[in-house]
Amino acid sequence: MLSDEAIKLKKRYSKLGGLVSAFAYDPNNVSKLKVWGQRLNFNLITGLQPKAKNCQKEILTLNGIETWKVTTPNSDPNKAILYFHGGAYIVGGPKGYYSIASHLADITGTTVYVPDYRLAPEHYFPAQLEDGVKAYEALLVDENYKSNQVAIGGDSAGGNLSLVTILKLKELGIDLPAAVMCISPWADPAATGDTYTEEMADKDLLLGPIMKKQWAKYKHDGFGGYYIKDDDMDSNNPYISPIHGDFTGCPPTMIQVGGDECLLSDSKSMKIAFENSNCEYEYYEWEGMWHVFHIEAKLPETTKSFEMFGEFLNKHMKVKV
């Protein structure tokens, strides 16, 4: 059952569909001014969220990538989450994700690193994947973490980056992290799932208005053009669409997803990919919740979600968090 706070937010968000869709990105008509406006708007909305009590940030570089190291008094310096922010690979960054990172650090008892990985349209695929691998390697080499002290996680596009980074680390033979945690991962950029529908878009308060605007112009042709050049788009490439990946031997993964979002089928398809790979996973759907509701720091659902991730990390990092 939704909390009272969630019910009130759903009513409020339902009135903002026009504003959200106004900032929809058009990959065939790139405007630097519009991209700037999107990023400013996104950081403003997410940045206004309250931070965890007594949280602190330190700005450092991981293999040349500016990164925010976020801690609270509850953070264990020996347990780290490399957290990739969401934003369709176009918007987002450590500044806007300071609130999420601070509450995640506080509730899970970890140190959270949020890298400012490269974004489109200035940088197209595979720049984001390259930065994901570089940031993880820097935690092991420069920050002296052992792989079993690190988890990789992210939301939406950051969930995509988490999953494809794991696949690339596996290919490169680099020691894999202890666990993976994904919030509503964008695992199917070609939009082949059965929840990419007008009906679901009407329920999805965050992505729905954007997707309906895109569909009206480009039909249901997927969204790879956001960050992948047309010549490089291959919906069967697991480094683009991890639903097609082989996760054999990969770390245990927890996926949490809203029940009222277009990306719901992405998470369901990831379940199939994990099962086909005999990869350990945990999966949870939040009934009635929208895409990455965790942006709202005060929601009881957000707190509960992070507690679940903390329990998951506690199980697989072998050290109580």
Foldseek 3Di string as FASTA:
>chain_A
DFDPVQVVVLVVLLVCLVVLQVLFQDLVDDDPVSLVVLQVVLLVLLLVADAPPQKDWDWDDQLNWTKIWIAHPLADAQAEEEEEEDDLLRYDFCNSCRRLQRLLCNLLRHIYIYTGFHGPPVAFPPRLLVVLLRNVVSCCVVVVHDQLRYEYEYEACRNLSRLLNQVVCVVVVHDHHLEYEYELYNQQQQLPFPLLDLVLLSLASNCSSNSVVVCVPPNSRGHSSRGHDPVGDDRCPCNRHVLNPQCAPHHEYEYEYEPRESSPRSVVSNVVNCVVNVHHYHYYYHYSDHGPPLSNVPGPVVSVVSNVVSVVSCVRSVHRD
